[in-house]
Amino acid sequence: MLTLQLIRDEVMDDGVYGHIDIIGERDSFRLGSIENLNYLIPPGKYPLKHTWSPKFQKFMTLIDEVPNREGIRIHSGTKPAHSTGCVLLSTFGVSTIETAIKNAQAYDEEIFLEVIGDL
């Protein structure tokens, strides 16, 4: 089973920047994250599932067992406003939204799923 460890590094006016560690049975992977300050989920470890998203109409990674929330996904986005609770993928160590926008295409959920598929 894969788990996600959510760690927040920097709170800014437009959102929260940090990283996620995806932990598998044999290996782990670190990727940067962006969250909307108004819709934060509690920090911690969560199991991950690959399920159908009715909102996005495709299979996506679900962050499971979030207290009092459901449907929390990992997906791409270039700014915190692109999320209402989901964790957005970003470049690791992002400190400005401009950097996230510049590099967003390289960190979408398709690439993420390929990487965690090997863990």
Protein backbone atom coordinates (compact mmCIF):
# COMPACT_ATOMS: atom_id res chain seq x y z
CA MET A 1 0.00 0.00 0.00
CA LEU A 2 1.20 3.50 -0.82
CA THR A 3 0.98 6.28 1.74
CA LEU A 4 1.39 10.02 1.46
CA GLN A 5 3.20 12.11 4.06
CA LEU A 6 2.15 15.76 3.73
CA ILE A 7 4.67 18.31 4.98
CA ARG A 8 4.16 22.08 4.80
CA ASP A 9 7.24 24.23 4.42
CA GLU A 10 6.07 27.78 3.73
CA VAL A 11 2.80 29.68 4.18
CA MET A 12 2.37 32.63 1.84
CA ASP A 13 -0.50 34.99 1.07
CA ASP A 14 -1.62 32.94 -1.90
CA GLY A 15 -1.19 29.44 -0.49
CA VAL A 16 0.88 26.83 1.27
CA TYR A 17 4.00 25.36 -0.30
CA GLY A 18 5.59 22.16 0.87
CA HIS A 19 6.24 18.63 -0.24
CA ILE A 20 4.76 15.19 -0.22
CA ASP A 21 6.62 11.98 0.37
CA ILE A 22 5.05 9.00 -1.37
CA ILE A 23 6.06 5.92 0.61
CA GLY A 24 5.87 2.46 -0.93
CA GLU A 25 6.85 -0.95 0.35
CA ARG A 26 10.33 -0.79 -1.22
CA ASP A 27 11.00 2.86 -1.97
CA SER A 28 9.82 6.44 -1.56
CA PHE A 29 9.56 9.55 -3.73
CA ARG A 30 9.45 13.27 -2.86
CA LEU A 31 7.58 15.88 -4.85
CA GLY A 32 6.70 19.51 -4.20
CA SER A 33 3.15 20.52 -3.35
CA ILE A 34 0.91 23.58 -3.41
CA GLU A 35 -2.30 23.91 -1.39
CA ASN A 36 -5.06 26.47 -1.12
CA LEU A 37 -4.77 28.17 2.28
CA ASN A 38 -8.57 28.19 2.66
CA TYR A 39 -9.03 24.43 2.15
CA LEU A 40 -6.16 22.73 3.96
CA ILE A 41 -6.41 19.13 5.02
CA PRO A 42 -4.73 18.17 8.30
CA PRO A 43 -1.00 17.43 7.94
CA GLY A 44 -0.09 13.80 8.37
CA LYS A 45 0.11 10.41 6.66
CA TYR A 46 -2.68 9.15 4.42
CA PRO A 47 -3.21 5.99 2.36
CA LEU A 48 -3.42 6.50 -1.41
CA LYS A 49 -5.82 4.86 -3.86
CA HIS A 50 -6.18 5.07 -7.62
CA THR A 51 -9.92 5.62 -8.23
CA TRP A 52 -12.35 7.18 -10.70
CA SER A 53 -12.89 10.91 -10.20
CA PRO A 54 -16.44 11.99 -11.12
CA LYS A 55 -15.31 15.63 -11.20
CA PHE A 56 -12.36 15.09 -13.58
CA GLN A 57 -13.90 12.09 -15.41
CA LYS A 58 -10.77 9.95 -15.22
CA PHE A 59 -8.83 7.71 -12.84
CA MET A 60 -6.71 9.72 -10.41
CA THR A 61 -4.86 9.33 -7.12
CA LEU A 62 -7.15 9.77 -4.11
CA ILE A 63 -5.83 10.80 -0.70
CA ASP A 64 -7.91 8.50 1.48
CA GLU A 65 -9.05 8.73 5.11
CA VAL A 66 -8.87 12.53 5.35
CA PRO A 67 -10.88 13.45 8.48
CA ASN A 68 -14.30 14.95 7.64
CA ARG A 69 -13.44 15.19 3.92
CA GLU A 70 -13.72 13.01 0.85
CA GLY A 71 -12.71 13.24 -2.78
CA ILE A 72 -9.32 14.81 -2.01
CA ARG A 73 -7.08 14.21 -5.04
CA ILE A 74 -3.53 14.80 -6.17
CA HIS A 75 -3.55 16.71 -9.45
CA SER A 76 -1.76 19.36 -11.42
CA GLY A 77 -2.29 23.09 -11.04
CA THR A 78 -0.23 26.23 -11.22
CA LYS A 79 -1.58 28.20 -8.28
CA PRO A 80 -3.37 27.57 -4.98
CA ALA A 81 -6.67 28.86 -6.40
CA HIS A 82 -6.74 25.74 -8.64
CA SER A 83 -7.56 23.65 -5.56
CA THR A 84 -10.47 23.40 -3.15
CA GLY A 85 -8.71 20.94 -0.88
CA CYS A 86 -6.69 18.83 -3.27
CA VAL A 87 -2.91 18.74 -3.19
CA LEU A 88 -1.36 20.19 -6.34
CA LEU A 89 1.90 18.84 -7.74
CA SER A 90 4.72 21.34 -8.10
CA THR A 91 8.47 21.57 -8.43
CA PHE A 92 10.27 20.61 -5.24
CA GLY A 93 11.34 23.61 -3.21
CA VAL A 94 9.00 26.05 -4.93
CA SER A 95 9.11 29.41 -3.20
CA THR A 96 7.21 31.51 -5.73
CA ILE A 97 4.11 30.88 -7.78
CA GLU A 98 5.97 32.08 -10.90
CA THR A 99 8.34 29.12 -10.59
CA ALA A 100 5.39 26.75 -10.22
CA ILE A 101 3.70 28.13 -13.33
CA LYS A 102 6.91 27.90 -15.35
CA ASN A 103 7.43 24.24 -14.45
CA ALA A 104 3.86 22.96 -14.02
CA GLN A 105 3.70 20.94 -17.23
CA ALA A 106 6.49 18.64 -16.08
CA TYR A 107 4.66 17.67 -12.91
CA ASP A 108 1.15 16.67 -13.87
CA GLU A 109 -0.68 13.67 -12.49
CA GLU A 110 0.21 11.45 -15.48
CA ILE A 111 3.92 11.65 -14.65
CA PHE A 112 3.17 11.29 -10.95
CA LEU A 113 1.25 8.06 -11.53
CA GLU A 114 4.08 6.64 -13.62
CA VAL A 115 6.58 7.35 -10.86
CA ILE A 116 4.55 5.91 -8.00
CA GLY A 117 3.67 2.87 -10.09
CA ASP A 118 7.20 1.58 -9.44
CA LEU A 119 7.14 2.01 -5.65
